[in-house]
């Protein structure tokens, strides 16, 4: 099925829509879809893959391996947020799970996560436990940092990971074994209440990739919705399979942070900080790229 900008028919009635945006992820996508199917529990799923013009055949192989999934094939790379919105609008389930193609569900069930959502009807977004490939817990549920925390994390973090600024931003003193409200949860795996989307709108497509999850959670909280972390589900996320590490992606991340700042933090006197913030973000991108050896 080819989409472009054309509307896509909705899938069958289901408890949960699973939206996966793919871009050249090889066999990871097939494993991702299989893990969602095997972890469905008592939930009925409508699984949609939105492929952003991959050239590695990953989408076709994944659908062949997982024929219950639907495919929306784009003619160009529309970016993560735009592709997610395509998947959301092609589904009708009351809840939507965003799941990265290089992620797999390790523990718990989607039915169990939906039970948490029903117990918290004002939770607009729920994030699970996310683990790195080495088994360590990734701090996927975080605060939105203050300007001081953001500066410290940006410029001290590349050299001293356990610094006080980064620890405050990532909520490092919390072991993530307990349920709690947070400022934002990662879009690598995020359960969204469709009623919240109807209230605040879809993902902001001006964020080509990165920070669209922070923006969505910020808008939800501003509208009175809760953003929740729950250990009910456990997900392994490899990370960077589609994007890799490059100066271009690091700069794209900085652009998205700046866009968020302008949208949510640059009112009043803070508008005068825009040039300084942009220069700081460019400097941070150069520093991170140098530190990692990006090309």
Protein backbone atom coordinates (compact mmCIF):
# COMPACT_ATOMS: atom_id res chain seq x y z
CA UNK A 1 0.00 0.00 0.00
CA UNK A 2 1.45 3.37 -0.99
CA UNK A 3 0.44 6.40 1.02
CA UNK A 4 2.25 9.61 0.18
CA UNK A 5 -0.22 12.27 1.30
CA UNK A 6 -3.29 10.17 0.48
CA UNK A 7 -5.64 8.99 3.24
CA UNK A 8 -5.29 5.38 4.39
CA UNK A 9 -8.23 3.20 5.33
CA UNK A 10 -8.67 2.37 9.00
CA UNK A 11 -8.05 -1.14 10.26
CA UNK A 12 -10.39 -3.47 12.12
CA UNK A 13 -11.79 -2.64 15.58
CA UNK A 14 -9.20 -3.42 18.24
CA UNK A 15 -8.17 -2.61 21.80
CA UNK A 16 -4.81 -1.18 20.84
CA UNK A 17 -3.19 0.24 17.73
CA UNK A 18 0.56 -0.44 17.49
CA UNK A 19 2.33 2.09 15.25
CA UNK A 20 5.90 1.36 14.14
CA UNK A 21 7.84 3.81 11.95
CA UNK A 22 10.53 2.08 9.92
CA UNK A 23 13.57 3.30 8.05
CA UNK A 24 16.16 0.74 6.96
CA UNK A 25 16.15 -1.36 10.14
CA UNK A 26 16.79 -4.76 8.58
CA UNK A 27 15.71 -7.73 10.66
CA UNK A 28 15.05 -5.61 13.74
CA UNK A 29 11.60 -4.71 12.41
CA UNK A 30 10.48 -8.33 12.09
CA UNK A 31 11.60 -9.06 15.64
CA UNK A 32 9.82 -5.95 16.89
CA UNK A 33 6.50 -6.95 15.31
CA UNK A 34 6.79 -10.51 16.53
CA UNK A 35 7.46 -9.36 20.08
CA UNK A 36 4.33 -7.17 20.02
CA UNK A 37 2.22 -10.05 18.77
CA UNK A 38 3.60 -12.47 21.36
CA UNK A 39 3.16 -9.94 24.18
CA UNK A 40 -0.41 -8.95 23.27
CA UNK A 41 -1.91 -10.79 26.24
CA UNK A 42 -5.68 -10.43 26.15
CA UNK A 43 -5.56 -7.29 23.98
CA UNK A 44 -6.57 -7.28 20.33
CA UNK A 45 -4.07 -5.38 18.18
CA UNK A 46 -4.16 -3.38 14.97
CA UNK A 47 -0.50 -3.24 13.95
CA UNK A 48 0.58 -0.63 11.40
CA UNK A 49 4.06 -0.19 9.95
CA UNK A 50 4.75 3.19 8.34
CA UNK A 51 7.82 2.86 6.15
CA UNK A 52 9.70 6.07 5.28
CA UNK A 53 11.05 4.98 1.90
CA UNK A 54 13.45 2.31 3.13
CA UNK A 55 15.75 0.78 0.54
CA UNK A 56 16.79 -2.35 2.44
CA UNK A 57 13.59 -4.37 1.97
CA UNK A 58 13.00 -4.45 5.73
CA UNK A 59 9.32 -3.50 5.55
CA UNK A 60 8.41 -6.12 2.95
CA UNK A 61 10.25 -8.86 4.88
CA UNK A 62 8.61 -7.85 8.13
CA UNK A 63 5.10 -7.95 6.67
CA UNK A 64 5.85 -11.34 5.13
CA UNK A 65 6.96 -12.58 8.56
CA UNK A 66 4.04 -10.85 10.32
CA UNK A 67 1.10 -10.90 7.88
CA UNK A 68 -1.31 -9.58 10.49
CA UNK A 69 0.38 -6.17 10.26
CA UNK A 70 -0.59 -3.49 7.76
CA UNK A 71 1.95 -1.49 5.75
CA UNK A 72 1.85 2.16 4.77
CA UNK A 73 4.64 2.75 2.28
CA UNK A 74 5.80 6.34 1.83
CA UNK A 75 7.55 7.59 -1.29
CA UNK A 76 9.98 9.71 0.74
CA UNK A 77 11.30 10.00 4.28
CA UNK A 78 8.68 12.19 5.91
CA UNK A 79 10.30 12.13 9.32
CA UNK A 80 9.29 10.35 12.50
CA UNK A 81 6.50 12.62 13.73
CA UNK A 82 4.74 12.81 10.35
CA UNK A 83 4.93 9.05 9.91
CA UNK A 84 3.58 8.44 13.42
CA UNK A 85 0.64 10.71 12.62
CA UNK A 86 -0.07 8.67 9.49
CA UNK A 87 -0.22 5.53 11.59
CA UNK A 88 -2.42 7.12 14.23
CA UNK A 89 -4.92 8.45 11.70
CA UNK A 90 -5.05 5.06 9.95
CA UNK A 91 -6.28 3.44 13.18
CA UNK A 92 -9.29 3.82 15.43
CA UNK A 93 -8.37 1.97 18.65
CA UNK A 94 -8.84 3.98 21.87
CA UNK A 95 -5.16 3.57 22.70
CA UNK A 96 -2.04 3.79 20.52
CA UNK A 97 1.35 2.25 21.28
CA UNK A 98 4.31 3.91 19.61
CA UNK A 99 7.08 1.33 19.32
CA UNK A 100 10.46 1.84 17.69
CA UNK A 101 11.43 -0.79 15.09
CA UNK A 102 14.63 -1.58 16.98
CA UNK A 103 12.71 -2.29 20.18
CA UNK A 104 11.38 -5.61 21.50
CA UNK A 105 9.00 -6.31 24.36
CA UNK A 106 10.81 -8.39 26.96
CA UNK A 107 8.41 -8.66 29.88
CA UNK A 108 4.80 -7.99 30.75
CA UNK A 109 1.93 -7.82 28.29
CA UNK A 110 0.24 -5.11 26.29
CA UNK A 111 -3.02 -6.18 27.87
CA UNK A 112 -1.46 -5.50 31.27
CA UNK A 113 -0.30 -2.06 30.15
CA UNK A 114 -3.83 -1.29 28.93
CA UNK A 115 -5.13 -2.26 32.36
CA UNK A 116 -2.83 0.39 33.85
CA UNK A 117 -4.22 2.91 31.35
CA UNK A 118 -7.80 2.10 32.34
CA UNK A 119 -6.88 2.50 36.01
CA UNK A 120 -5.52 5.99 35.17
CA UNK A 121 -8.09 7.49 32.76
CA UNK A 122 -6.35 10.90 32.85
CA UNK A 123 -3.00 9.43 31.81
CA UNK A 124 -2.42 10.84 28.34
CA UNK A 125 0.87 8.97 27.89
CA UNK A 126 2.41 6.01 29.69
CA UNK A 127 6.01 4.87 29.35
CA UNK A 128 7.40 1.45 30.36
CA UNK A 129 10.78 0.25 31.59
CA UNK A 130 13.29 0.61 28.74
CA UNK A 131 16.53 -1.36 28.84
CA UNK A 132 19.72 -1.00 26.85
CA UNK A 133 21.22 -4.07 25.11
CA UNK A 134 23.59 -4.60 28.07
CA UNK A 135 20.59 -5.05 30.37
CA UNK A 136 20.93 -1.72 32.17
CA UNK A 137 17.85 0.43 32.67
CA UNK A 138 17.73 3.43 30.34
CA UNK A 139 16.34 6.57 32.04
CA UNK A 140 13.50 6.94 29.57
CA UNK A 141 11.17 8.82 31.94
CA UNK A 142 12.61 12.22 32.82
CA UNK A 143 12.08 15.78 33.92
CA UNK A 144 11.99 18.68 31.52
CA UNK A 145 15.21 20.37 32.66
CA UNK A 146 15.56 23.93 33.81
CA UNK A 147 17.89 26.13 31.77
CA UNK A 148 20.66 25.60 34.32
CA UNK A 149 20.19 21.82 34.29
CA UNK A 150 20.11 21.79 30.50
CA UNK A 151 23.36 23.75 30.24
CA UNK A 152 25.10 21.56 32.80
CA UNK A 153 23.89 18.35 31.19
CA UNK A 154 24.87 19.56 27.73
CA UNK A 155 28.41 20.68 28.46
CA UNK A 156 29.43 18.66 31.52
CA UNK A 157 27.64 15.45 30.58
CA UNK A 158 29.90 14.45 27.66
CA UNK A 159 32.87 14.34 30.05
CA UNK A 160 31.24 13.44 33.39
CA UNK A 161 28.12 11.31 32.89
CA UNK A 162 27.22 11.15 36.57
CA UNK A 163 27.26 14.90 37.14
CA UNK A 164 24.56 16.54 39.33
CA UNK A 165 22.88 18.30 36.38
CA UNK A 166 22.41 15.09 34.40
CA UNK A 167 21.35 13.15 37.49
CA UNK A 168 18.61 15.68 38.21
CA UNK A 169 17.42 15.72 34.58
CA UNK A 170 17.36 11.92 34.21
CA UNK A 171 15.99 11.32 37.75
CA UNK A 172 18.95 9.04 38.39
CA UNK A 173 18.13 8.48 42.08
CA UNK A 174 14.93 6.64 41.15
CA UNK A 175 15.29 2.93 40.31
CA UNK A 176 12.19 2.88 38.04
CA UNK A 177 10.63 -0.03 39.88
CA UNK A 178 7.66 2.09 40.95
CA UNK A 179 4.84 3.81 39.13
CA UNK A 180 4.95 7.60 39.18
CA UNK A 181 4.06 10.76 37.30
CA UNK A 182 6.89 12.29 35.26
CA UNK A 183 7.36 15.20 32.87
CA UNK A 184 7.88 13.09 29.76
CA UNK A 185 8.43 9.54 28.55
CA UNK A 186 10.37 8.34 25.53
CA UNK A 187 8.63 7.85 22.19
CA UNK A 188 10.66 4.67 21.69
CA UNK A 189 7.78 2.97 23.51
CA UNK A 190 4.85 5.12 24.57
CA UNK A 191 1.21 4.22 25.17
CA UNK A 192 -1.07 7.12 24.22
CA UNK A 193 -4.70 7.67 25.12
CA UNK A 194 -6.45 8.71 21.91
CA UNK A 195 -8.74 10.98 23.92
CA UNK A 196 -5.68 12.99 24.91
CA UNK A 197 -4.64 13.29 21.26
CA UNK A 198 -8.14 14.47 20.39
CA UNK A 199 -7.68 17.15 23.06
CA UNK A 200 -4.13 18.40 22.36
CA UNK A 201 -3.54 17.33 18.75
CA UNK A 202 -1.19 14.92 17.03
CA UNK A 203 2.61 15.02 17.06
CA UNK A 204 4.10 18.30 15.87
CA UNK A 205 5.51 17.50 12.42
CA UNK A 206 7.93 20.42 12.60
CA UNK A 207 10.05 18.07 14.71
CA UNK A 208 11.48 15.93 11.91
CA UNK A 209 12.87 13.62 14.55
CA UNK A 210 13.88 13.92 18.22
CA UNK A 211 12.07 15.83 21.01
CA UNK A 212 8.60 15.32 19.50
CA UNK A 213 7.87 13.09 22.51
CA UNK A 214 8.88 15.83 24.97
CA UNK A 215 6.69 18.31 23.10
CA UNK A 216 3.67 15.98 23.10
CA UNK A 217 4.00 15.24 26.83
CA UNK A 218 4.42 18.94 27.59
CA UNK A 219 1.23 19.77 25.72
CA UNK A 220 -0.63 16.98 27.49
CA UNK A 221 0.43 18.14 30.94
CA UNK A 222 -0.50 21.73 30.07
CA UNK A 223 -3.99 20.50 29.16
CA UNK A 224 -4.41 18.66 32.46
CA UNK A 225 -3.42 15.15 31.37
CA UNK A 226 -0.99 13.04 33.37
CA UNK A 227 2.23 11.55 32.00
CA UNK A 228 2.89 8.28 33.76
CA UNK A 229 5.72 5.78 34.08
CA UNK A 230 4.76 2.17 34.77
CA UNK A 231 7.00 -0.89 35.29
CA UNK A 232 4.16 -3.08 33.96
CA UNK A 233 5.97 -3.53 30.63
CA UNK A 234 9.68 -4.01 29.92
CA UNK A 235 11.22 -3.18 26.54
CA UNK A 236 14.67 -3.69 25.05
CA UNK A 237 15.71 -0.79 22.82
CA UNK A 238 18.87 -0.98 20.73
CA UNK A 239 18.73 2.64 19.58
CA UNK A 240 20.27 4.39 16.59
CA UNK A 241 19.68 1.57 14.09
CA UNK A 242 17.97 3.91 11.60
CA UNK A 243 19.98 7.05 12.26
CA UNK A 244 23.41 5.86 13.37
CA UNK A 245 25.78 8.38 14.85
CA UNK A 246 26.69 11.29 12.64
CA UNK A 247 27.25 15.02 12.83
CA UNK A 248 24.05 15.50 10.85
CA UNK A 249 21.91 13.59 13.37
CA UNK A 250 23.57 15.34 16.32
CA UNK A 251 22.79 18.70 14.73
CA UNK A 252 19.22 17.57 14.00
CA UNK A 253 18.84 16.78 17.69
CA UNK A 254 20.05 20.29 18.57
CA UNK A 255 17.60 21.82 16.09
CA UNK A 256 14.74 19.97 17.74
CA UNK A 257 15.79 21.10 21.21
CA UNK A 258 15.90 24.69 19.95
CA UNK A 259 12.45 24.30 18.38
CA UNK A 260 11.12 23.06 21.71
CA UNK A 261 12.73 26.00 23.53
CA UNK A 262 11.17 28.52 21.15
CA UNK A 263 7.77 26.85 21.38
CA UNK A 264 7.56 26.36 25.14
CA UNK A 265 10.24 28.41 26.93
CA UNK A 266 10.91 31.56 24.94
CA UNK A 267 7.99 33.70 26.03
CA UNK A 268 8.48 37.17 27.51
CA UNK A 269 12.02 38.16 28.47
CA UNK A 270 13.32 34.71 27.54
CA UNK A 271 12.75 35.47 23.86
CA UNK A 272 15.94 37.53 24.05
CA UNK A 273 17.82 34.30 24.80
CA UNK A 274 17.08 32.72 21.44
CA UNK A 275 20.40 33.59 19.73
CA UNK A 276 22.40 32.54 22.78
CA UNK A 277 20.50 29.27 23.11
CA UNK A 278 21.03 28.45 19.44
CA UNK A 279 24.77 29.19 19.67
CA UNK A 280 25.01 27.04 22.81
CA UNK A 281 23.20 24.16 21.10
CA UNK A 282 25.46 24.38 18.05
CA UNK A 283 28.50 24.36 20.32
CA UNK A 284 27.08 21.39 22.22
CA UNK A 285 26.47 19.49 18.96
CA UNK A 286 30.07 20.09 17.88
CA UNK A 287 31.35 19.01 21.29
CA UNK A 288 29.31 15.78 21.32
CA UNK A 289 30.29 14.92 17.74
CA UNK A 290 33.97 15.48 18.56
CA UNK A 291 33.74 13.44 21.76
CA UNK A 292 32.08 10.49 19.99
CA UNK A 293 34.11 10.72 16.80
CA UNK A 294 31.05 11.28 14.61
CA UNK A 295 31.52 11.65 10.90
